[in-house]
C-alpha cells in the first residue's frame, strides 16, 4: 500500500497539521508507505520519522539526503540557498 499526499499542509492551521501528521503516522504504523510533497515543510516537524528528503527545483531532483542533514539547513536558509549550502557539503 502507498499513500501519495500532495501538499497536505498547504493552507491549513497548526491544529490541522497535527491531525494530518497523526493520520500519516497511523498509515505508516499499518505498513502503508507515504510519499509526501510539501512546499512549506511545516508538517515535517510533526512527523516522528522521515526516511529520505528530495529537494526538487524546476521539476527535477536537485538534492537527496538524510532528513537529519537536509531539513535543518533548508529551514535555516530556505530551499534555494539551502541547496547551495548542501551542495558545498555541510
PDB file of N, CA and C in Angstrom:
ATOM      1  N   UNK A   1       0.847  -1.180   0.000  1.00  0.00           N
ATOM      2  CA  UNK A   1       0.000   0.000   0.000  1.00  0.00           C
ATOM      3  C   UNK A   1       0.886   1.235   0.000  1.00  0.00           C
ATOM      4  N   UNK A   2       0.410   2.265  -0.678  1.00  0.00           N
ATOM      5  CA  UNK A   2       1.154   3.508  -0.776  1.00  0.00           C
ATOM      6  C   UNK A   2       0.178   4.672  -0.781  1.00  0.00           C
ATOM      7  N   UNK A   3       0.434   5.663   0.062  1.00  0.00           N
ATOM      8  CA  UNK A   3      -0.359   6.895   0.078  1.00  0.00           C
ATOM      9  C   UNK A   3       0.499   8.015  -0.487  1.00  0.00           C
ATOM     10  N   UNK A   4      -0.050   8.747  -1.431  1.00  0.00           N
ATOM     11  CA  UNK A   4       0.661   9.883  -2.014  1.00  0.00           C
ATOM     12  C   UNK A   4      -0.103  11.149  -1.632  1.00  0.00           C
ATOM     13  N   UNK A   5       0.569  12.049  -0.922  1.00  0.00           N
ATOM     14  CA  UNK A   5      -0.068  13.263  -0.417  1.00  0.00           C
ATOM     15  C   UNK A   5       0.602  14.482  -1.033  1.00  0.00           C
ATOM     16  N   UNK A   6      -0.172  15.292  -1.725  1.00  0.00           N
ATOM     17  CA  UNK A   6       0.348  16.483  -2.374  1.00  0.00           C
ATOM     18  C   UNK A   6      -0.026  17.705  -1.542  1.00  0.00           C
ATOM     19  N   UNK A   7       0.936  18.251  -0.849  1.00  0.00           N
ATOM     20  CA  UNK A   7       0.796  19.445  -0.019  1.00  0.00           C
ATOM     21  C   UNK A   7      -0.344  19.350   1.007  1.00  0.00           C
ATOM     22  N   UNK A   8      -0.345  18.326   1.838  1.00  0.00           N
ATOM     23  CA  UNK A   8      -1.427  18.217   2.821  1.00  0.00           C
ATOM     24  C   UNK A   8      -1.394  19.324   3.874  1.00  0.00           C
ATOM     25  N   UNK A   9      -0.254  20.029   3.990  1.00  0.00           N
ATOM     26  CA  UNK A   9      -0.136  21.097   4.985  1.00  0.00           C
ATOM     27  C   UNK A   9      -0.356  22.487   4.389  1.00  0.00           C
ATOM     28  N   UNK A  10      -0.786  22.555   3.148  1.00  0.00           N
ATOM     29  CA  UNK A  10      -0.984  23.839   2.480  1.00  0.00           C
ATOM     30  C   UNK A  10      -2.324  24.456   2.866  1.00  0.00           C
ATOM     31  N   UNK A  11      -2.286  25.667   3.380  1.00  0.00           N
ATOM     32  CA  UNK A  11      -3.499  26.412   3.681  1.00  0.00           C
ATOM     33  C   UNK A  11      -4.271  25.935   4.894  1.00  0.00           C
ATOM     34  N   UNK A  12      -3.628  25.178   5.771  1.00  0.00           N
ATOM     35  CA  UNK A  12      -4.313  24.710   6.980  1.00  0.00           C
ATOM     36  C   UNK A  12      -3.617  25.256   8.222  1.00  0.00           C
ATOM     37  N   UNK A  13      -4.363  25.306   9.318  1.00  0.00           N
ATOM     38  CA  UNK A  13      -3.801  25.833  10.560  1.00  0.00           C
ATOM     39  C   UNK A  13      -2.954  24.775  11.276  1.00  0.00           C
ATOM     40  N   UNK A  14      -2.298  25.198  12.340  1.00  0.00           N
ATOM     41  CA  UNK A  14      -1.374  24.329  13.081  1.00  0.00           C
ATOM     42  C   UNK A  14      -2.083  23.093  13.627  1.00  0.00           C
ATOM     43  N   UNK A  15      -3.286  23.278  14.150  1.00  0.00           N
ATOM     44  CA  UNK A  15      -4.022  22.140  14.701  1.00  0.00           C
ATOM     45  C   UNK A  15      -4.321  21.108  13.610  1.00  0.00           C
ATOM     46  N   UNK A  16      -4.677  21.582  12.432  1.00  0.00           N
ATOM     47  CA  UNK A  16      -4.965  20.668  11.322  1.00  0.00           C
ATOM     48  C   UNK A  16      -3.712  19.931  10.869  1.00  0.00           C
ATOM     49  N   UNK A  17      -2.577  20.618  10.882  1.00  0.00           N
ATOM     50  CA  UNK A  17      -1.314  19.969  10.529  1.00  0.00           C
ATOM     51  C   UNK A  17      -1.029  18.828  11.497  1.00  0.00           C
ATOM     52  N   UNK A  18      -1.302  19.049  12.781  1.00  0.00           N
ATOM     53  CA  UNK A  18      -1.085  17.999  13.774  1.00  0.00           C
ATOM     54  C   UNK A  18      -2.003  16.805  13.521  1.00  0.00           C
ATOM     55  N   UNK A  19      -3.246  17.059  13.143  1.00  0.00           N
ATOM     56  CA  UNK A  19      -4.185  15.975  12.829  1.00  0.00           C
ATOM     57  C   UNK A  19      -3.697  15.201  11.603  1.00  0.00           C
ATOM     58  N   UNK A  20      -3.288  15.921  10.577  1.00  0.00           N
ATOM     59  CA  UNK A  20      -2.785  15.279   9.358  1.00  0.00           C
ATOM     60  C   UNK A  20      -1.556  14.428   9.677  1.00  0.00           C
ATOM     61  N   UNK A  21      -0.662  14.947  10.507  1.00  0.00           N
ATOM     62  CA  UNK A  21       0.540  14.197  10.891  1.00  0.00           C
ATOM     63  C   UNK A  21       0.162  12.909  11.618  1.00  0.00           C
ATOM     64  N   UNK A  22      -0.844  12.973  12.485  1.00  0.00           N
ATOM     65  CA  UNK A  22      -1.289  11.762  13.192  1.00  0.00           C
ATOM     66  C   UNK A  22      -1.867  10.736  12.211  1.00  0.00           C
ATOM     67  N   UNK A  23      -2.591  11.199  11.215  1.00  0.00           N
ATOM     68  CA  UNK A  23      -3.133  10.285  10.199  1.00  0.00           C
ATOM     69  C   UNK A  23      -1.989   9.619   9.433  1.00  0.00           C
ATOM     70  N   UNK A  24      -0.976  10.402   9.073  1.00  0.00           N
ATOM     71  CA  UNK A  24       0.186   9.848   8.369  1.00  0.00           C
ATOM     72  C   UNK A  24       0.885   8.806   9.233  1.00  0.00           C
ATOM     73  N   UNK A  25       1.090   9.124  10.508  1.00  0.00           N
ATOM     74  CA  UNK A  25       1.731   8.171  11.425  1.00  0.00           C
ATOM     75  C   UNK A  25       0.896   6.894  11.539  1.00  0.00           C
ATOM     76  N   UNK A  26      -0.420   7.028  11.565  1.00  0.00           N
ATOM     77  CA  UNK A  26      -1.301   5.863  11.649  1.00  0.00           C
ATOM     78  C   UNK A  26      -1.178   4.992  10.399  1.00  0.00           C
ATOM     79  N   UNK A  27      -1.139   5.630   9.237  1.00  0.00           N
ATOM     80  CA  UNK A  27      -0.952   4.877   7.992  1.00  0.00           C
ATOM     81  C   UNK A  27       0.355   4.096   8.025  1.00  0.00           C
ATOM     82  N   UNK A  28       1.412   4.770   8.434  1.00  0.00           N
ATOM     83  CA  UNK A  28       2.731   4.126   8.466  1.00  0.00           C
ATOM     84  C   UNK A  28       2.762   2.972   9.452  1.00  0.00           C
ATOM     85  N   UNK A  29       2.104   3.130  10.591  1.00  0.00           N
ATOM     86  CA  UNK A  29       2.114   2.059  11.595  1.00  0.00           C
ATOM     87  C   UNK A  29       1.396   0.811  11.090  1.00  0.00           C
ATOM     88  N   UNK A  30       0.538   0.984  10.087  1.00  0.00           N
ATOM     89  CA  UNK A  30      -0.168  -0.157   9.493  1.00  0.00           C
ATOM     90  C   UNK A  30       0.527  -0.673   8.241  1.00  0.00           C
ATOM     91  N   UNK A  31       1.747  -0.190   7.992  1.00  0.00           N
ATOM     92  CA  UNK A  31       2.532  -0.706   6.880  1.00  0.00           C
ATOM     93  C   UNK A  31       2.353   0.009   5.558  1.00  0.00           C
ATOM     94  N   UNK A  32       1.677   1.126   5.561  1.00  0.00           N
ATOM     95  CA  UNK A  32       1.480   1.888   4.329  1.00  0.00           C
ATOM     96  C   UNK A  32       2.656   2.835   4.121  1.00  0.00           C
ATOM     97  N   UNK A  33       3.250   2.792   2.944  1.00  0.00           N
ATOM     98  CA  UNK A  33       4.298   3.746   2.607  1.00  0.00           C
ATOM     99  C   UNK A  33       3.674   5.097   2.300  1.00  0.00           C
ATOM    100  N   UNK A  34       4.395   6.166   2.591  1.00  0.00           N
ATOM    101  CA  UNK A  34       3.864   7.511   2.373  1.00  0.00           C
ATOM    102  C   UNK A  34       4.869   8.332   1.575  1.00  0.00           C
ATOM    103  N   UNK A  35       4.398   8.895   0.477  1.00  0.00           N
ATOM    104  CA  UNK A  35       5.165   9.883  -0.280  1.00  0.00           C
ATOM    105  C   UNK A  35       4.447  11.206  -0.079  1.00  0.00           C
ATOM    106  N   UNK A  36       5.173  12.197   0.394  1.00  0.00           N
ATOM    107  CA  UNK A  36       4.571  13.474   0.748  1.00  0.00           C
ATOM    108  C   UNK A  36       5.296  14.604   0.031  1.00  0.00           C
ATOM    109  N   UNK A  37       4.537  15.489  -0.587  1.00  0.00           N
ATOM    110  CA  UNK A  37       5.092  16.677  -1.231  1.00  0.00           C
ATOM    111  C   UNK A  37       4.660  17.879  -0.413  1.00  0.00           C
ATOM    112  N   UNK A  38       5.612  18.750  -0.082  1.00  0.00           N
ATOM    113  CA  UNK A  38       5.281  19.961   0.658  1.00  0.00           C
ATOM    114  C   UNK A  38       6.152  21.114   0.184  1.00  0.00           C
ATOM    115  N   UNK A  39       5.571  22.297   0.160  1.00  0.00           N
ATOM    116  CA  UNK A  39       6.342  23.491  -0.164  1.00  0.00           C
ATOM    117  C   UNK A  39       6.743  24.235   1.099  1.00  0.00           C
ATOM    118  N   UNK A  40       6.001  24.043   2.173  1.00  0.00           N
ATOM    119  CA  UNK A  40       6.286  24.773   3.406  1.00  0.00           C
ATOM    120  C   UNK A  40       7.172  23.985   4.355  1.00  0.00           C
ATOM    121  N   UNK A  41       7.031  22.675   4.351  1.00  0.00           N
ATOM    122  CA  UNK A  41       7.810  21.854   5.273  1.00  0.00           C
ATOM    123  C   UNK A  41       7.251  21.818   6.683  1.00  0.00           C
ATOM    124  N   UNK A  42       6.156  22.528   6.932  1.00  0.00           N
ATOM    125  CA  UNK A  42       5.608  22.611   8.290  1.00  0.00           C
ATOM    126  C   UNK A  42       5.281  21.240   8.867  1.00  0.00           C
ATOM    127  N   UNK A  43       4.771  20.358   8.048  1.00  0.00           N
ATOM    128  CA  UNK A  43       4.357  19.046   8.549  1.00  0.00           C
ATOM    129  C   UNK A  43       5.555  18.173   8.919  1.00  0.00           C
ATOM    130  N   UNK A  44       6.712  18.428   8.322  1.00  0.00           N
ATOM    131  CA  UNK A  44       7.874  17.580   8.597  1.00  0.00           C
ATOM    132  C   UNK A  44       8.306  17.656  10.052  1.00  0.00           C
ATOM    133  N   UNK A  45       8.042  18.776  10.698  1.00  0.00           N
ATOM    134  CA  UNK A  45       8.407  18.919  12.112  1.00  0.00           C
ATOM    135  C   UNK A  45       7.508  18.094  13.021  1.00  0.00           C
ATOM    136  N   UNK A  46       6.363  17.654  12.520  1.00  0.00           N
ATOM    137  CA  UNK A  46       5.394  16.901  13.324  1.00  0.00           C
ATOM    138  C   UNK A  46       5.517  15.391  13.152  1.00  0.00           C
ATOM    139  N   UNK A  47       6.278  14.952  12.164  1.00  0.00           N
ATOM    140  CA  UNK A  47       6.382  13.518  11.892  1.00  0.00           C
ATOM    141  C   UNK A  47       7.535  12.901  12.673  1.00  0.00           C
ATOM    142  N   UNK A  48       7.312  11.707  13.194  1.00  0.00           N
ATOM    143  CA  UNK A  48       8.340  11.065  14.022  1.00  0.00           C
ATOM    144  C   UNK A  48       9.468  10.464  13.189  1.00  0.00           C
ATOM    145  N   UNK A  49       9.186  10.135  11.938  1.00  0.00           N
ATOM    146  CA  UNK A  49      10.219   9.500  11.119  1.00  0.00           C
ATOM    147  C   UNK A  49      10.048   9.891   9.661  1.00  0.00           C
ATOM    148  N   UNK A  50      11.136  10.356   9.080  1.00  0.00           N
ATOM    149  CA  UNK A  50      11.191  10.636   7.647  1.00  0.00           C
ATOM    150  C   UNK A  50      12.425   9.913   7.143  1.00  0.00           C
ATOM    151  N   UNK A  51      12.257   9.066   6.151  1.00  0.00           N
ATOM    152  CA  UNK A  51      13.372   8.250   5.682  1.00  0.00           C
ATOM    153  C   UNK A  51      14.312   8.992   4.745  1.00  0.00           C
ATOM    154  N   UNK A  52      13.757   9.803   3.863  1.00  0.00           N
ATOM    155  CA  UNK A  52      14.590  10.469   2.867  1.00  0.00           C
ATOM    156  C   UNK A  52      13.914  11.759   2.423  1.00  0.00           C
ATOM    157  N   UNK A  53      14.722  12.763   2.122  1.00  0.00           N
ATOM    158  CA  UNK A  53      14.214  14.044   1.632  1.00  0.00           C
ATOM    159  C   UNK A  53      14.786  14.294   0.243  1.00  0.00           C
ATOM    160  N   UNK A  54      13.912  14.674  -0.665  1.00  0.00           N
ATOM    161  CA  UNK A  54      14.333  15.076  -2.011  1.00  0.00           C
ATOM    162  C   UNK A  54      13.952  16.542  -2.177  1.00  0.00           C
ATOM    163  N   UNK A  55      14.876  17.360  -2.636  1.00  0.00           N
ATOM    164  CA  UNK A  55      14.567  18.748  -2.964  1.00  0.00           C
ATOM    165  C   UNK A  55      14.426  18.831  -4.474  1.00  0.00           C
ATOM    166  N   UNK A  56      13.283  19.318  -4.929  1.00  0.00           N
ATOM    167  CA  UNK A  56      13.040  19.472  -6.359  1.00  0.00           C
ATOM    168  C   UNK A  56      13.126  20.944  -6.737  1.00  0.00           C
ATOM    169  N   UNK A  57      13.819  21.209  -7.813  1.00  0.00           N
ATOM    170  CA  UNK A  57      13.888  22.552  -8.387  1.00  0.00           C
ATOM    171  C   UNK A  57      13.496  22.408  -9.855  1.00  0.00           C
ATOM    172  N   UNK A  58      12.508  23.175 -10.274  1.00  0.00           N
ATOM    173  CA  UNK A  58      12.021  23.124 -11.657  1.00  0.00           C
ATOM    174  C   UNK A  58      11.663  21.700 -12.098  1.00  0.00           C
ATOM    175  N   UNK A  59      11.037  20.946 -11.189  1.00  0.00           N
ATOM    176  CA  UNK A  59      10.562  19.612 -11.527  1.00  0.00           C
ATOM    177  C   UNK A  59      11.602  18.509 -11.538  1.00  0.00           C
ATOM    178  N   UNK A  60      12.818  18.824 -11.147  1.00  0.00           N
ATOM    179  CA  UNK A  60      13.891  17.811 -11.136  1.00  0.00           C
ATOM    180  C   UNK A  60      14.469  17.691  -9.725  1.00  0.00           C
ATOM    181  N   UNK A  61      14.889  16.471  -9.389  1.00  0.00           N
ATOM    182  CA  UNK A  61      15.523  16.276  -8.087  1.00  0.00           C
ATOM    183  C   UNK A  61      16.878  16.971  -8.102  1.00  0.00           C
ATOM    184  N   UNK A  62      17.026  17.958  -7.234  1.00  0.00           N
ATOM    185  CA  UNK A  62      18.269  18.723  -7.154  1.00  0.00           C
ATOM    186  C   UNK A  62      19.163  18.218  -6.029  1.00  0.00           C
ATOM    187  N   UNK A  63      18.566  17.575  -5.025  1.00  0.00           N
ATOM    188  CA  UNK A  63      19.359  17.059  -3.910  1.00  0.00           C
ATOM    189  C   UNK A  63      18.546  15.986  -3.199  1.00  0.00           C
ATOM    190  N   UNK A  64      19.207  14.943  -2.763  1.00  0.00           N
ATOM    191  CA  UNK A  64      18.599  13.882  -1.967  1.00  0.00           C
ATOM    192  C   UNK A  64      19.496  13.627  -0.774  1.00  0.00           C
ATOM    193  N   UNK A  65      18.888  13.480   0.384  1.00  0.00           N
ATOM    194  CA  UNK A  65      19.708  13.212   1.549  1.00  0.00           C
ATOM    195  C   UNK A  65      18.900  12.841   2.773  1.00  0.00           C
ATOM    196  N   UNK A  66      19.626  12.666   3.844  1.00  0.00           N
ATOM    197  CA  UNK A  66      19.042  12.327   5.132  1.00  0.00           C
ATOM    198  C   UNK A  66      18.290  13.535   5.687  1.00  0.00           C
ATOM    199  N   UNK A  67      17.113  13.313   6.264  1.00  0.00           N
ATOM    200  CA  UNK A  67      16.378  14.435   6.843  1.00  0.00           C
ATOM    201  C   UNK A  67      17.134  15.114   7.979  1.00  0.00           C
ATOM    202  N   UNK A  68      17.980  14.356   8.685  1.00  0.00           N
ATOM    203  CA  UNK A  68      18.760  14.947   9.777  1.00  0.00           C
ATOM    204  C   UNK A  68      19.729  16.004   9.275  1.00  0.00           C
ATOM    205  N   UNK A  69      20.163  15.873   8.032  1.00  0.00           N
ATOM    206  CA  UNK A  69      21.081  16.841   7.424  1.00  0.00           C
ATOM    207  C   UNK A  69      20.311  17.892   6.638  1.00  0.00           C
ATOM    208  N   UNK A  70      19.382  17.449   5.812  1.00  0.00           N
ATOM    209  CA  UNK A  70      18.703  18.340   4.871  1.00  0.00           C
ATOM    210  C   UNK A  70      17.758  19.322   5.558  1.00  0.00           C
ATOM    211  N   UNK A  71      16.874  18.838   6.419  1.00  0.00           N
ATOM    212  CA  UNK A  71      15.833  19.697   6.968  1.00  0.00           C
ATOM    213  C   UNK A  71      16.356  20.880   7.777  1.00  0.00           C
ATOM    214  N   UNK A  72      17.328  20.711   8.679  1.00  0.00           N
ATOM    215  CA  UNK A  72      17.815  21.890   9.407  1.00  0.00           C
ATOM    216  C   UNK A  72      18.392  22.967   8.487  1.00  0.00           C
ATOM    217  N   UNK A  73      19.088  22.555   7.438  1.00  0.00           N
ATOM    218  CA  UNK A  73      19.681  23.521   6.504  1.00  0.00           C
ATOM    219  C   UNK A  73      18.584  24.239   5.724  1.00  0.00           C
ATOM    220  N   UNK A  74      17.599  23.494   5.253  1.00  0.00           N
ATOM    221  CA  UNK A  74      16.507  24.101   4.484  1.00  0.00           C
ATOM    222  C   UNK A  74      15.686  25.044   5.361  1.00  0.00           C
ATOM    223  N   UNK A  75      15.413  24.650   6.604  1.00  0.00           N
ATOM    224  CA  UNK A  75      14.640  25.523   7.486  1.00  0.00           C
ATOM    225  C   UNK A  75      15.414  26.792   7.831  1.00  0.00           C
ATOM    226  N   UNK A  76      16.728  26.698   7.901  1.00  0.00           N
ATOM    227  CA  UNK A  76      17.544  27.869   8.239  1.00  0.00           C
ATOM    228  C   UNK A  76      17.703  28.819   7.051  1.00  0.00           C
ATOM    229  N   UNK A  77      17.966  28.273   5.857  1.00  0.00           N
ATOM    230  CA  UNK A  77      18.315  29.103   4.703  1.00  0.00           C
ATOM    231  C   UNK A  77      17.227  29.187   3.630  1.00  0.00           C
ATOM    232  N   UNK A  78      16.205  28.342   3.686  1.00  0.00           N
ATOM    233  CA  UNK A  78      15.234  28.265   2.596  1.00  0.00           C
ATOM    234  C   UNK A  78      15.701  27.240   1.577  1.00  0.00           C
ATOM    235  N   UNK A  79      14.846  26.929   0.619  1.00  0.00           N
ATOM    236  CA  UNK A  79      15.160  25.849  -0.316  1.00  0.00           C
ATOM    237  C   UNK A  79      16.341  26.163  -1.222  1.00  0.00           C
ATOM    238  N   UNK A  80      16.313  27.280  -1.905  1.00  0.00           N
ATOM    239  CA  UNK A  80      17.383  27.552  -2.884  1.00  0.00           C
ATOM    240  C   UNK A  80      18.730  27.789  -2.209  1.00  0.00           C
ATOM    241  N   UNK A  81      18.781  28.636  -1.212  1.00  0.00           N
ATOM    242  CA  UNK A  81      20.043  28.879  -0.503  1.00  0.00           C
ATOM    243  C   UNK A  81      20.470  27.607   0.231  1.00  0.00           C
ATOM    244  N   UNK A  82      19.515  26.886   0.806  1.00  0.00           N
ATOM    245  CA  UNK A  82      19.822  25.626   1.473  1.00  0.00           C
ATOM    246  C   UNK A  82      20.444  24.621   0.528  1.00  0.00           C
ATOM    247  N   UNK A  83      19.945  24.579  -0.703  1.00  0.00           N
ATOM    248  CA  UNK A  83      20.506  23.680  -1.709  1.00  0.00           C
ATOM    249  C   UNK A  83      21.954  24.042  -2.011  1.00  0.00           C
ATOM    250  N   UNK A  84      22.242  25.336  -2.094  1.00  0.00           N
ATOM    251  CA  UNK A  84      23.630  25.769  -2.314  1.00  0.00           C
ATOM    252  C   UNK A  84      24.524  25.298  -1.173  1.00  0.00           C
ATOM    253  N   UNK A  85      24.060  25.471   0.051  1.00  0.00           N
ATOM    254  CA  UNK A  85      24.835  25.057   1.231  1.00  0.00           C
ATOM    255  C   UNK A  85      25.043  23.546   1.213  1.00  0.00           C
ATOM    256  N   UNK A  86      23.986  22.783   0.946  1.00  0.00           N
ATOM    257  CA  UNK A  86      24.086  21.324   0.919  1.00  0.00           C
ATOM    258  C   UNK A  86      25.021  20.850  -0.185  1.00  0.00           C
ATOM    259  N   UNK A  87      24.973  21.503  -1.332  1.00  0.00           N
ATOM    260  CA  UNK A  87      25.824  21.109  -2.457  1.00  0.00           C
ATOM    261  C   UNK A  87      27.304  21.317  -2.159  1.00  0.00           C
ATOM    262  N   UNK A  88      27.607  22.308  -1.323  1.00  0.00           N
ATOM    263  CA  UNK A  88      29.002  22.557  -0.930  1.00  0.00           C
ATOM    264  C   UNK A  88      29.453  21.584   0.151  1.00  0.00           C
ATOM    265  N   UNK A  89      28.497  20.918   0.785  1.00  0.00           N
ATOM    266  CA  UNK A  89      28.822  20.000   1.880  1.00  0.00           C
ATOM    267  C   UNK A  89      28.607  20.696   3.205  1.00  0.00           C
ATOM    268  N   UNK A  90      27.895  20.014   4.076  1.00  0.00           N
ATOM    269  CA  UNK A  90      27.557  20.604   5.375  1.00  0.00           C
ATOM    270  C   UNK A  90      28.627  20.266   6.374  1.00  0.00           C
TER     271      UNK A  90
END
